[in-house]
Amino acid sequence: MKKKVLLITVLTIFCLAAEAGATNLVVNGGFESPVIYTVYVTDITPTGWTGMGDLVQQGYAGAVNSGDGNQWFDLNPGTSTSTGTSQNISLNAGTDYLFSFLYDGGGGGTTTQISFSLQSGLGSLLSGAVSTASMNVYGGTPWSTYSTTFDPSISGLYTLTFVPNGAWSGGFIDAVTISPTGTPTPGVPEPTTILLLGLGLIGVAGIRRKFKN
């Protein structure tokens, strides 16, 4: 029994270390903070980010749920044209990272594209854009996922930025992630989480057998 407990303890520590290595470097990438108590709040800055937009509760006005948490973010503040939303991320050279986010559009605004970039004072690490022109979260269009991997050649602080190309509505994002490669997609249970659950069940079964004997 002692050997089994020791094995479970060692494996648990290993799994927790693996979990730590798979941490999302984006603060509040799911836009769950601050918590809003109405269906949406306009002209607000999410925790960890700069720049204003609108926080929206999942399912508002029949919108398709992104499947990530209770809130998502509209890059356009109120009926205005956005100047962008950003935050600084510390990255290490020689490390492979996964960058991903969910996006959708609609709502009657003029935004049809979301541009993104990750850059430092030395230049751009990655940049691109996704189209929301044919998407309408209120019309039943499912959220799409953009993802790519990258490896910075220089360690330092990089600025992650999202900018919509129009006003009012249409630049919806959620589940923004930058993490070491191998991290599971948001909403999918991580292997270490499943293993920890299994170890916990083994431990409970062992304790039950001990008391039965």
Foldseek 3Di string as FASTA:
>chain_A
DVVLVVVLVVLLVVLVVVVVQFDFQQPCQFLPPPPDDDQKDFFDAGPQKDWGWMKGFACPLNFHGQLFDGIWTWQAGAFFFTPWMKHKGWDAAPFKKKWKKKWEFADPWDFFKKKKFKADPVGTQDIDMDTRNVGHRNVPRHIDMDMDMGGDRHTDMIMIIMGTPTGRITTIIGDTGIHGPPRDDPNDDRPSVVVNVVSVVVVVVVVVVVVVD
